[in-house]
Amino acid sequence: GGCWHQCCPGRNNTCWATAARRARCYCDSYCERTGDCCEDCSSPSAPAAVGCTVGPWGPWSGCSSPCGVGSKARSRQVTVPPRHGGEPCPDLKQRRGCLGEHPTCGMAK
């Protein structure tokens, strides 16, 4: 199979051709990363895909409720943004439940 039309930049699942045995081969820049390029699709001038890279998780925040059920949150930053059809960034924020247990909670009745 071949990309006789043209090779597409970035990650483009609609940019494909039919290869041997009716299998699909791809003609986008991302196919070089996944190894499913058509035989005639080589674009050395096309920039390589760069996947997202994130930093470590920050600390959990305090509980949103001083007494009773609340939530905590934490986040992380993107250190390298995705480029040229690279893998998108994973979640940058997380939230979880917590139980506020401030010393004054038992006194307020």
PDB file of N, CA and C in Angstrom:
ATOM      1  N   GLY A   1       0.829  -1.186   0.000  1.00  0.00           N
ATOM      2  CA  GLY A   1       0.000   0.000   0.000  1.00  0.00           C
ATOM      3  C   GLY A   1       0.860   1.231   0.000  1.00  0.00           C
ATOM      4  N   GLY A   2       0.268   2.328  -0.410  1.00  0.00           N
ATOM      5  CA  GLY A   2       1.076   3.534  -0.478  1.00  0.00           C
ATOM      6  C   GLY A   2       0.311   4.812  -0.227  1.00  0.00           C
ATOM      7  N   CYS A   3       1.066   5.815   0.109  1.00  0.00           N
ATOM      8  CA  CYS A   3       0.518   7.154   0.349  1.00  0.00           C
ATOM      9  C   CYS A   3       0.719   7.978  -0.908  1.00  0.00           C
ATOM     10  N   TRP A   4       0.220   7.465  -2.010  1.00  0.00           N
ATOM     11  CA  TRP A   4       0.424   8.147  -3.287  1.00  0.00           C
ATOM     12  C   TRP A   4      -0.154   9.548  -3.279  1.00  0.00           C
ATOM     13  N   HIS A   5      -1.177   9.800  -2.426  1.00  0.00           N
ATOM     14  CA  HIS A   5      -1.759  11.144  -2.384  1.00  0.00           C
ATOM     15  C   HIS A   5      -0.804  12.099  -1.673  1.00  0.00           C
ATOM     16  N   GLN A   6      -0.729  12.068  -0.382  1.00  0.00           N
ATOM     17  CA  GLN A   6       0.242  12.866   0.359  1.00  0.00           C
ATOM     18  C   GLN A   6       0.277  12.413   1.805  1.00  0.00           C
ATOM     19  N   CYS A   7       1.392  12.637   2.447  1.00  0.00           N
ATOM     20  CA  CYS A   7       1.511  12.312   3.858  1.00  0.00           C
ATOM     21  C   CYS A   7       0.984  13.486   4.671  1.00  0.00           C
ATOM     22  N   CYS A   8       0.271  13.170   5.742  1.00  0.00           N
ATOM     23  CA  CYS A   8      -0.360  14.198   6.561  1.00  0.00           C
ATOM     24  C   CYS A   8       0.514  14.535   7.771  1.00  0.00           C
ATOM     25  N   PRO A   9       0.554  15.795   8.162  1.00  0.00           N
ATOM     26  CA  PRO A   9       1.324  16.161   9.356  1.00  0.00           C
ATOM     27  C   PRO A   9       0.584  15.756  10.626  1.00  0.00           C
ATOM     28  N   GLY A  10       1.324  15.564  11.686  1.00  0.00           N
ATOM     29  CA  GLY A  10       0.725  15.299  12.992  1.00  0.00           C
ATOM     30  C   GLY A  10       0.069  13.934  13.083  1.00  0.00           C
ATOM     31  N   ARG A  11      -0.889  13.848  14.018  1.00  0.00           N
ATOM     32  CA  ARG A  11      -1.628  12.598  14.254  1.00  0.00           C
ATOM     33  C   ARG A  11      -2.984  12.723  13.577  1.00  0.00           C
ATOM     34  N   ASN A  12      -3.217  11.898  12.556  1.00  0.00           N
ATOM     35  CA  ASN A  12      -4.429  12.029  11.765  1.00  0.00           C
ATOM     36  C   ASN A  12      -4.906  10.633  11.351  1.00  0.00           C
ATOM     37  N   ASN A  13      -5.874  10.090  12.097  1.00  0.00           N
ATOM     38  CA  ASN A  13      -6.356   8.739  11.819  1.00  0.00           C
ATOM     39  C   ASN A  13      -7.121   8.612  10.511  1.00  0.00           C
ATOM     40  N   THR A  14      -7.480   9.720   9.879  1.00  0.00           N
ATOM     41  CA  THR A  14      -8.182   9.657   8.600  1.00  0.00           C
ATOM     42  C   THR A  14      -7.207   9.630   7.421  1.00  0.00           C
ATOM     43  N   CYS A  15      -5.925   9.684   7.717  1.00  0.00           N
ATOM     44  CA  CYS A  15      -4.895   9.709   6.674  1.00  0.00           C
ATOM     45  C   CYS A  15      -4.273   8.319   6.560  1.00  0.00           C
ATOM     46  N   TRP A  16      -4.921   7.447   5.768  1.00  0.00           N
ATOM     47  CA  TRP A  16      -4.467   6.073   5.650  1.00  0.00           C
ATOM     48  C   TRP A  16      -4.655   5.571   4.231  1.00  0.00           C
ATOM     49  N   ALA A  17      -4.101   4.395   3.964  1.00  0.00           N
ATOM     50  CA  ALA A  17      -4.243   3.730   2.659  1.00  0.00           C
ATOM     51  C   ALA A  17      -4.409   2.239   2.921  1.00  0.00           C
ATOM     52  N   THR A  18      -4.748   1.501   1.887  1.00  0.00           N
ATOM     53  CA  THR A  18      -4.891   0.056   2.016  1.00  0.00           C
ATOM     54  C   THR A  18      -3.566  -0.602   1.666  1.00  0.00           C
ATOM     55  N   ALA A  19      -3.078  -1.408   2.572  1.00  0.00           N
ATOM     56  CA  ALA A  19      -1.816  -2.110   2.362  1.00  0.00           C
ATOM     57  C   ALA A  19      -2.103  -3.525   1.868  1.00  0.00           C
ATOM     58  N   ALA A  20      -1.099  -4.369   1.884  1.00  0.00           N
ATOM     59  CA  ALA A  20      -1.253  -5.766   1.473  1.00  0.00           C
ATOM     60  C   ALA A  20      -2.280  -6.458   2.361  1.00  0.00           C
ATOM     61  N   ARG A  21      -3.018  -7.393   1.787  1.00  0.00           N
ATOM     62  CA  ARG A  21      -4.050  -8.162   2.482  1.00  0.00           C
ATOM     63  C   ARG A  21      -5.133  -7.269   3.082  1.00  0.00           C
ATOM     64  N   ARG A  22      -5.412  -6.175   2.439  1.00  0.00           N
ATOM     65  CA  ARG A  22      -6.486  -5.252   2.820  1.00  0.00           C
ATOM     66  C   ARG A  22      -6.333  -4.643   4.214  1.00  0.00           C
ATOM     67  N   ALA A  23      -5.133  -4.680   4.752  1.00  0.00           N
ATOM     68  CA  ALA A  23      -4.867  -4.048   6.050  1.00  0.00           C
ATOM     69  C   ALA A  23      -4.625  -2.554   5.824  1.00  0.00           C
ATOM     70  N   ARG A  24      -4.841  -1.782   6.858  1.00  0.00           N
ATOM     71  CA  ARG A  24      -4.595  -0.346   6.761  1.00  0.00           C
ATOM     72  C   ARG A  24      -3.148  -0.032   7.123  1.00  0.00           C
ATOM     73  N   CYS A  25      -2.589   0.909   6.390  1.00  0.00           N
ATOM     74  CA  CYS A  25      -1.322   1.512   6.780  1.00  0.00           C
ATOM     75  C   CYS A  25      -1.587   3.019   6.820  1.00  0.00           C
ATOM     76  N   TYR A  26      -0.811   3.721   7.592  1.00  0.00           N
ATOM     77  CA  TYR A  26      -1.091   5.147   7.821  1.00  0.00           C
ATOM     78  C   TYR A  26      -0.056   6.032   7.157  1.00  0.00           C
ATOM     79  N   CYS A  27      -0.496   7.249   6.884  1.00  0.00           N
ATOM     80  CA  CYS A  27       0.313   8.204   6.135  1.00  0.00           C
ATOM     81  C   CYS A  27       0.505   9.506   6.913  1.00  0.00           C
ATOM     82  N   ASP A  28       0.346   9.458   8.232  1.00  0.00           N
ATOM     83  CA  ASP A  28       0.554  10.662   9.024  1.00  0.00           C
ATOM     84  C   ASP A  28       1.920  10.609   9.705  1.00  0.00           C
ATOM     85  N   SER A  29       2.358  11.698  10.271  1.00  0.00           N
ATOM     86  CA  SER A  29       3.662  11.740  10.937  1.00  0.00           C
ATOM     87  C   SER A  29       3.712  10.804  12.132  1.00  0.00           C
ATOM     88  N   TYR A  30       2.578  10.565  12.764  1.00  0.00           N
ATOM     89  CA  TYR A  30       2.523   9.734  13.973  1.00  0.00           C
ATOM     90  C   TYR A  30       2.804   8.260  13.671  1.00  0.00           C
ATOM     91  N   CYS A  31       2.588   7.837  12.424  1.00  0.00           N
ATOM     92  CA  CYS A  31       2.791   6.425  12.093  1.00  0.00           C
ATOM     93  C   CYS A  31       4.235   5.991  12.304  1.00  0.00           C
ATOM     94  N   GLU A  32       5.175   6.915  12.230  1.00  0.00           N
ATOM     95  CA  GLU A  32       6.572   6.558  12.463  1.00  0.00           C
ATOM     96  C   GLU A  32       6.763   6.142  13.920  1.00  0.00           C
ATOM     97  N   ARG A  33       5.993   6.721  14.804  1.00  0.00           N
ATOM     98  CA  ARG A  33       6.090   6.384  16.223  1.00  0.00           C
ATOM     99  C   ARG A  33       5.397   5.052  16.519  1.00  0.00           C
ATOM    100  N   THR A  34       4.289   4.778  15.842  1.00  0.00           N
ATOM    101  CA  THR A  34       3.527   3.560  16.097  1.00  0.00           C
ATOM    102  C   THR A  34       3.956   2.395  15.202  1.00  0.00           C
ATOM    103  N   GLY A  35       4.749   2.672  14.181  1.00  0.00           N
ATOM    104  CA  GLY A  35       5.265   1.613  13.330  1.00  0.00           C
ATOM    105  C   GLY A  35       4.271   1.059  12.327  1.00  0.00           C
ATOM    106  N   ASP A  36       3.224   1.813  11.982  1.00  0.00           N
ATOM    107  CA  ASP A  36       2.239   1.313  11.024  1.00  0.00           C
ATOM    108  C   ASP A  36       2.154   2.197   9.777  1.00  0.00           C
ATOM    109  N   CYS A  37       3.309   2.714   9.342  1.00  0.00           N
ATOM    110  CA  CYS A  37       3.360   3.565   8.146  1.00  0.00           C
ATOM    111  C   CYS A  37       3.246   2.737   6.873  1.00  0.00           C
ATOM    112  N   CYS A  38       2.717   3.344   5.847  1.00  0.00           N
ATOM    113  CA  CYS A  38       2.745   2.737   4.523  1.00  0.00           C
ATOM    114  C   CYS A  38       4.190   2.745   4.037  1.00  0.00           C
ATOM    115  N   GLU A  39       4.497   1.845   3.106  1.00  0.00           N
ATOM    116  CA  GLU A  39       5.876   1.696   2.647  1.00  0.00           C
ATOM    117  C   GLU A  39       6.459   2.976   2.062  1.00  0.00           C
ATOM    118  N   ASP A  40       5.647   3.751   1.359  1.00  0.00           N
ATOM    119  CA  ASP A  40       6.195   4.941   0.702  1.00  0.00           C
ATOM    120  C   ASP A  40       5.977   6.224   1.504  1.00  0.00           C
ATOM    121  N   CYS A  41       5.573   6.097   2.750  1.00  0.00           N
ATOM    122  CA  CYS A  41       5.361   7.294   3.574  1.00  0.00           C
ATOM    123  C   CYS A  41       6.542   7.471   4.500  1.00  0.00           C
ATOM    124  N   SER A  42       7.486   8.205   4.043  1.00  0.00           N
ATOM    125  CA  SER A  42       8.604   8.580   4.906  1.00  0.00           C
ATOM    126  C   SER A  42       8.810  10.063   4.719  1.00  0.00           C
ATOM    127  N   SER A  43       8.716  10.766   5.782  1.00  0.00           N
ATOM    128  CA  SER A  43       8.822  12.220   5.687  1.00  0.00           C
ATOM    129  C   SER A  43       9.896  12.704   6.650  1.00  0.00           C
ATOM    130  N   PRO A  44      11.162  12.589   6.242  1.00  0.00           N
ATOM    131  CA  PRO A  44      12.235  13.004   7.134  1.00  0.00           C
ATOM    132  C   PRO A  44      12.157  14.481   7.493  1.00  0.00           C
ATOM    133  N   SER A  45      11.492  15.263   6.672  1.00  0.00           N
ATOM    134  CA  SER A  45      11.375  16.686   6.978  1.00  0.00           C
ATOM    135  C   SER A  45      10.258  16.956   7.984  1.00  0.00           C
ATOM    136  N   ALA A  46       9.386  15.990   8.174  1.00  0.00           N
ATOM    137  CA  ALA A  46       8.283  16.184   9.118  1.00  0.00           C
ATOM    138  C   ALA A  46       8.814  16.076  10.543  1.00  0.00           C
ATOM    139  N   PRO A  47       8.361  16.967  11.419  1.00  0.00           N
ATOM    140  CA  PRO A  47       8.832  16.913  12.799  1.00  0.00           C
ATOM    141  C   PRO A  47       8.312  15.668  13.517  1.00  0.00           C
ATOM    142  N   ALA A  48       9.115  15.143  14.397  1.00  0.00           N
ATOM    143  CA  ALA A  48       8.729  13.949  15.151  1.00  0.00           C
ATOM    144  C   ALA A  48       7.688  14.305  16.202  1.00  0.00           C
ATOM    145  N   ALA A  49       6.818  13.349  16.470  1.00  0.00           N
ATOM    146  CA  ALA A  49       5.804  13.539  17.505  1.00  0.00           C
ATOM    147  C   ALA A  49       6.478  13.565  18.875  1.00  0.00           C
ATOM    148  N   VAL A  50       6.021  14.467  19.720  1.00  0.00           N
ATOM    149  CA  VAL A  50       6.542  14.575  21.085  1.00  0.00           C
ATOM    150  C   VAL A  50       5.365  14.436  22.035  1.00  0.00           C
ATOM    151  N   GLY A  51       5.418  13.429  22.885  1.00  0.00           N
ATOM    152  CA  GLY A  51       4.347  13.209  23.854  1.00  0.00           C
ATOM    153  C   GLY A  51       4.461  14.158  25.034  1.00  0.00           C
ATOM    154  N   CYS A  52       3.361  14.349  25.703  1.00  0.00           N
ATOM    155  CA  CYS A  52       3.303  15.221  26.865  1.00  0.00           C
ATOM    156  C   CYS A  52       4.113  14.620  28.015  1.00  0.00           C
ATOM    157  N   THR A  53       4.790  15.470  28.740  1.00  0.00           N
ATOM    158  CA  THR A  53       5.503  15.067  29.952  1.00  0.00           C
ATOM    159  C   THR A  53       5.019  15.957  31.080  1.00  0.00           C
ATOM    160  N   VAL A  54       4.728  15.333  32.218  1.00  0.00           N
ATOM    161  CA  VAL A  54       4.250  16.104  33.377  1.00  0.00           C
ATOM    162  C   VAL A  54       5.199  15.914  34.548  1.00  0.00           C
ATOM    163  N   GLY A  55       5.173  16.875  35.463  1.00  0.00           N
ATOM    164  CA  GLY A  55       5.996  16.821  36.663  1.00  0.00           C
ATOM    165  C   GLY A  55       5.333  15.985  37.742  1.00  0.00           C
ATOM    166  N   PRO A  56       5.933  15.959  38.910  1.00  0.00           N
ATOM    167  CA  PRO A  56       5.379  15.168  40.012  1.00  0.00           C
ATOM    168  C   PRO A  56       4.130  15.816  40.597  1.00  0.00           C
ATOM    169  N   TRP A  57       3.336  15.013  41.286  1.00  0.00           N
ATOM    170  CA  TRP A  57       2.157  15.545  41.964  1.00  0.00           C
ATOM    171  C   TRP A  57       2.599  16.458  43.105  1.00  0.00           C
ATOM    172  N   GLY A  58       1.884  17.553  43.278  1.00  0.00           N
ATOM    173  CA  GLY A  58       2.111  18.442  44.406  1.00  0.00           C
ATOM    174  C   GLY A  58       1.462  17.855  45.650  1.00  0.00           C
ATOM    175  N   PRO A  59       1.589  18.543  46.774  1.00  0.00           N
ATOM    176  CA  PRO A  59       0.994  18.028  48.010  1.00  0.00           C
ATOM    177  C   PRO A  59      -0.529  18.148  47.986  1.00  0.00           C
ATOM    178  N   TRP A  60      -1.183  17.331  48.773  1.00  0.00           N
ATOM    179  CA  TRP A  60      -2.633  17.424  48.919  1.00  0.00           C
ATOM    180  C   TRP A  60      -2.966  18.692  49.688  1.00  0.00           C
ATOM    181  N   SER A  61      -4.027  19.348  49.315  1.00  0.00           N
ATOM    182  CA  SER A  61      -4.503  20.531  50.042  1.00  0.00           C
ATOM    183  C   SER A  61      -5.119  20.073  51.364  1.00  0.00           C
ATOM    184  N   GLY A  62      -5.433  21.028  52.228  1.00  0.00           N
ATOM    185  CA  GLY A  62      -6.149  20.687  53.444  1.00  0.00           C
ATOM    186  C   GLY A  62      -7.583  20.311  53.099  1.00  0.00           C
ATOM    187  N   CYS A  63      -8.265  19.714  54.053  1.00  0.00           N
ATOM    188  CA  CYS A  63      -9.651  19.316  53.839  1.00  0.00           C
ATOM    189  C   CYS A  63     -10.520  20.567  53.694  1.00  0.00           C
ATOM    190  N   SER A  64     -11.426  20.545  52.747  1.00  0.00           N
ATOM    191  CA  SER A  64     -12.273  21.719  52.485  1.00  0.00           C
ATOM    192  C   SER A  64     -13.279  21.967  53.604  1.00  0.00           C
ATOM    193  N   SER A  65     -13.520  20.972  54.439  1.00  0.00           N
ATOM    194  CA  SER A  65     -14.458  21.110  55.551  1.00  0.00           C
ATOM    195  C   SER A  65     -13.711  20.887  56.864  1.00  0.00           C
ATOM    196  N   PRO A  66     -13.729  21.861  57.779  1.00  0.00           N
ATOM    197  CA  PRO A  66     -13.032  21.655  59.049  1.00  0.00           C
ATOM    198  C   PRO A  66     -13.703  20.576  59.903  1.00  0.00           C
ATOM    199  N   CYS A  67     -14.993  20.401  59.738  1.00  0.00           N
ATOM    200  CA  CYS A  67     -15.737  19.384  60.485  1.00  0.00           C
ATOM    201  C   CYS A  67     -16.618  18.602  59.502  1.00  0.00           C
ATOM    202  N   GLY A  68     -16.443  17.310  59.440  1.00  0.00           N
ATOM    203  CA  GLY A  68     -17.278  16.495  58.564  1.00  0.00           C
ATOM    204  C   GLY A  68     -16.663  16.234  57.211  1.00  0.00           C
ATOM    205  N   VAL A  69     -17.504  15.780  56.289  1.00  0.00           N
ATOM    206  CA  VAL A  69     -17.058  15.352  54.966  1.00  0.00           C
ATOM    207  C   VAL A  69     -16.674  16.546  54.098  1.00  0.00           C
ATOM    208  N   GLY A  70     -15.530  16.436  53.439  1.00  0.00           N
ATOM    209  CA  GLY A  70     -15.051  17.470  52.525  1.00  0.00           C
ATOM    210  C   GLY A  70     -14.217  16.827  51.434  1.00  0.00           C
ATOM    211  N   SER A  71     -13.331  17.608  50.824  1.00  0.00           N
ATOM    212  CA  SER A  71     -12.465  17.057  49.787  1.00  0.00           C
ATOM    213  C   SER A  71     -11.095  17.723  49.838  1.00  0.00           C
ATOM    214  N   LYS A  72     -10.110  17.003  49.317  1.00  0.00           N
ATOM    215  CA  LYS A  72      -8.746  17.495  49.173  1.00  0.00           C
ATOM    216  C   LYS A  72      -8.415  17.462  47.685  1.00  0.00           C
ATOM    217  N   ALA A  73      -7.479  18.286  47.275  1.00  0.00           N
ATOM    218  CA  ALA A  73      -7.077  18.311  45.865  1.00  0.00           C
ATOM    219  C   ALA A  73      -5.562  18.438  45.768  1.00  0.00           C
ATOM    220  N   ARG A  74      -5.037  17.991  44.637  1.00  0.00           N
ATOM    221  CA  ARG A  74      -3.628  18.201  44.326  1.00  0.00           C
ATOM    222  C   ARG A  74      -3.498  18.341  42.820  1.00  0.00           C
ATOM    223  N   SER A  75      -2.375  18.863  42.370  1.00  0.00           N
ATOM    224  CA  SER A  75      -2.186  19.071  40.934  1.00  0.00           C
ATOM    225  C   SER A  75      -0.726  18.869  40.556  1.00  0.00           C
ATOM    226  N   ARG A  76      -0.502  18.845  39.261  1.00  0.00           N
ATOM    227  CA  ARG A  76       0.850  18.763  38.709  1.00  0.00           C
ATOM    228  C   ARG A  76       0.894  19.617  37.463  1.00  0.00           C
ATOM    229  N   GLN A  77       2.095  19.946  37.022  1.00  0.00           N
ATOM    230  CA  GLN A  77       2.275  20.853  35.896  1.00  0.00           C
ATOM    231  C   GLN A  77       2.784  20.103  34.665  1.00  0.00           C
ATOM    232  N   VAL A  78       2.493  20.647  33.508  1.00  0.00           N
ATOM    233  CA  VAL A  78       3.033  20.128  32.248  1.00  0.00           C
ATOM    234  C   VAL A  78       4.467  20.643  32.125  1.00  0.00           C
ATOM    235  N   THR A  79       5.418  19.730  31.931  1.00  0.00           N
ATOM    236  CA  THR A  79       6.808  20.153  31.740  1.00  0.00           C
ATOM    237  C   THR A  79       7.164  20.217  30.255  1.00  0.00           C
ATOM    238  N   VAL A  80       6.573  19.316  29.453  1.00  0.00           N
ATOM    239  CA  VAL A  80       6.761  19.352  27.994  1.00  0.00           C
ATOM    240  C   VAL A  80       5.394  19.150  27.354  1.00  0.00           C
ATOM    241  N   PRO A  81       4.864  20.179  26.690  1.00  0.00           N
ATOM    242  CA  PRO A  81       3.552  20.015  26.049  1.00  0.00           C
ATOM    243  C   PRO A  81       3.644  19.107  24.821  1.00  0.00           C
ATOM    244  N   PRO A  82       2.540  18.431  24.478  1.00  0.00           N
ATOM    245  CA  PRO A  82       2.573  17.566  23.293  1.00  0.00           C
ATOM    246  C   PRO A  82       2.719  18.395  22.027  1.00  0.00           C
ATOM    247  N   ARG A  83       3.473  17.843  21.075  1.00  0.00           N
ATOM    248  CA  ARG A  83       3.662  18.537  19.796  1.00  0.00           C
ATOM    249  C   ARG A  83       3.611  17.531  18.655  1.00  0.00           C
ATOM    250  N   HIS A  84       3.170  17.996  17.521  1.00  0.00           N
ATOM    251  CA  HIS A  84       3.174  17.219  16.278  1.00  0.00           C
ATOM    252  C   HIS A  84       2.458  15.881  16.410  1.00  0.00           C
ATOM    253  N   GLY A  85       1.323  15.875  17.091  1.00  0.00           N
ATOM    254  CA  GLY A  85       0.522  14.666  17.203  1.00  0.00           C
ATOM    255  C   GLY A  85       0.972  13.715  18.295  1.00  0.00           C
ATOM    256  N   GLY A  86       1.799  14.177  19.228  1.00  0.00           N
ATOM    257  CA  GLY A  86       2.257  13.324  20.317  1.00  0.00           C
ATOM    258  C   GLY A  86       1.147  13.030  21.308  1.00  0.00           C
ATOM    259  N   GLU A  87       1.410  12.101  22.216  1.00  0.00           N
ATOM    260  CA  GLU A  87       0.416  11.702  23.216  1.00  0.00           C
ATOM    261  C   GLU A  87      -0.063  12.907  24.007  1.00  0.00           C
ATOM    262  N   PRO A  88      -1.384  13.022  24.228  1.00  0.00           N
ATOM    263  CA  PRO A  88      -1.911  14.147  25.001  1.00  0.00           C
ATOM    264  C   PRO A  88      -1.531  14.016  26.478  1.00  0.00           C
ATOM    265  N   CYS A  89      -1.712  15.094  27.207  1.00  0.00           N
ATOM    266  CA  CYS A  89      -1.369  15.115  28.624  1.00  0.00           C
ATOM    267  C   CYS A  89      -2.381  14.321  29.447  1.00  0.00           C
ATOM    268  N   PRO A  90      -1.904  13.647  30.494  1.00  0.00           N
ATOM    269  CA  PRO A  90      -2.815  12.958  31.410  1.00  0.00           C
ATOM    270  C   PRO A  90      -3.475  13.984  32.326  1.00  0.00           C
ATOM    271  N   ASP A  91      -4.336  13.525  33.217  1.00  0.00           N
ATOM    272  CA  ASP A  91      -4.993  14.434  34.155  1.00  0.00           C
ATOM    273  C   ASP A  91      -3.964  15.222  34.945  1.00  0.00           C
ATOM    274  N   LEU A  92      -4.268  16.500  35.141  1.00  0.00           N
ATOM    275  CA  LEU A  92      -3.361  17.372  35.883  1.00  0.00           C
ATOM    276  C   LEU A  92      -3.877  17.666  37.291  1.00  0.00           C
ATOM    277  N   LYS A  93      -5.110  17.270  37.576  1.00  0.00           N
ATOM    278  CA  LYS A  93      -5.700  17.512  38.892  1.00  0.00           C
ATOM    279  C   LYS A  93      -6.318  16.231  39.415  1.00  0.00           C
ATOM    280  N   GLN A  94      -6.240  16.038  40.724  1.00  0.00           N
ATOM    281  CA  GLN A  94      -6.898  14.917  41.388  1.00  0.00           C
ATOM    282  C   GLN A  94      -7.646  15.457  42.601  1.00  0.00           C
ATOM    283  N   ARG A  95      -8.730  14.790  42.933  1.00  0.00           N
ATOM    284  CA  ARG A  95      -9.534  15.161  44.098  1.00  0.00           C
ATOM    285  C   ARG A  95      -9.915  13.883  44.828  1.00  0.00           C
ATOM    286  N   ARG A  96      -9.950  13.960  46.161  1.00  0.00           N
ATOM    287  CA  ARG A  96     -10.378  12.810  46.953  1.00  0.00           C
ATOM    288  C   ARG A  96     -11.103  13.305  48.191  1.00  0.00           C
ATOM    289  N   GLY A  97     -11.906  12.436  48.752  1.00  0.00           N
ATOM    290  CA  GLY A  97     -12.677  12.775  49.930  1.00  0.00           C
ATOM    291  C   GLY A  97     -11.813  12.821  51.176  1.00  0.00           C
ATOM    292  N   CYS A  98     -12.297  13.534  52.192  1.00  0.00           N
ATOM    293  CA  CYS A  98     -11.606  13.613  53.473  1.00  0.00           C
ATOM    294  C   CYS A  98     -12.646  13.898  54.557  1.00  0.00           C
ATOM    295  N   LEU A  99     -12.220  13.762  55.785  1.00  0.00           N
ATOM    296  CA  LEU A  99     -13.084  14.015  56.926  1.00  0.00           C
ATOM    297  C   LEU A  99     -12.385  15.034  57.815  1.00  0.00           C
ATOM    298  N   GLY A 100     -12.952  16.239  57.869  1.00  0.00           N
ATOM    299  CA  GLY A 100     -12.369  17.291  58.703  1.00  0.00           C
ATOM    300  C   GLY A 100     -12.522  16.959  60.174  1.00  0.00           C
ATOM    301  N   GLU A 101     -11.413  17.027  60.912  1.00  0.00           N
ATOM    302  CA  GLU A 101     -11.436  16.677  62.330  1.00  0.00           C
ATOM    303  C   GLU A 101     -10.767  17.759  63.167  1.00  0.00           C
ATOM    304  N   HIS A 102     -11.171  18.999  62.949  1.00  0.00           N
ATOM    305  CA  HIS A 102     -10.627  20.111  63.722  1.00  0.00           C
ATOM    306  C   HIS A 102     -10.977  19.906  65.198  1.00  0.00           C
ATOM    307  N   PRO A 103     -10.086  20.285  66.134  1.00  0.00           N
ATOM    308  CA  PRO A 103     -10.342  20.081  67.570  1.00  0.00           C
ATOM    309  C   PRO A 103     -11.658  20.700  68.066  1.00  0.00           C
ATOM    310  N   THR A 104     -12.131  21.732  67.426  1.00  0.00           N
ATOM    311  CA  THR A 104     -13.367  22.381  67.889  1.00  0.00           C
ATOM    312  C   THR A 104     -14.632  21.697  67.380  1.00  0.00           C
ATOM    313  N   CYS A 105     -14.513  20.688  66.503  1.00  0.00           N
ATOM    314  CA  CYS A 105     -15.674  20.052  65.907  1.00  0.00           C
ATOM    315  C   CYS A 105     -16.593  19.428  66.969  1.00  0.00           C
ATOM    316  N   GLY A 106     -16.048  18.762  67.958  1.00  0.00           N
ATOM    317  CA  GLY A 106     -16.856  18.099  68.976  1.00  0.00           C
ATOM    318  C   GLY A 106     -17.560  19.079  69.916  1.00  0.00           C
ATOM    319  N   MET A 107     -17.043  20.303  70.021  1.00  0.00           N
ATOM    320  CA  MET A 107     -17.641  21.289  70.936  1.00  0.00           C
ATOM    321  C   MET A 107     -18.899  21.933  70.382  1.00  0.00           C
ATOM    322  N   ALA A 108     -18.981  22.051  69.048  1.00  0.00           N
ATOM    323  CA  ALA A 108     -20.132  22.744  68.436  1.00  0.00           C
ATOM    324  C   ALA A 108     -21.296  21.779  68.317  1.00  0.00           C
ATOM    325  N   LYS A 109     -22.218  21.841  69.263  1.00  0.00           N
ATOM    326  CA  LYS A 109     -23.397  20.957  69.221  1.00  0.00           C
ATOM    327  C   LYS A 109     -24.645  21.757  69.448  1.00  0.00           C
TER     328      LYS A 109
END
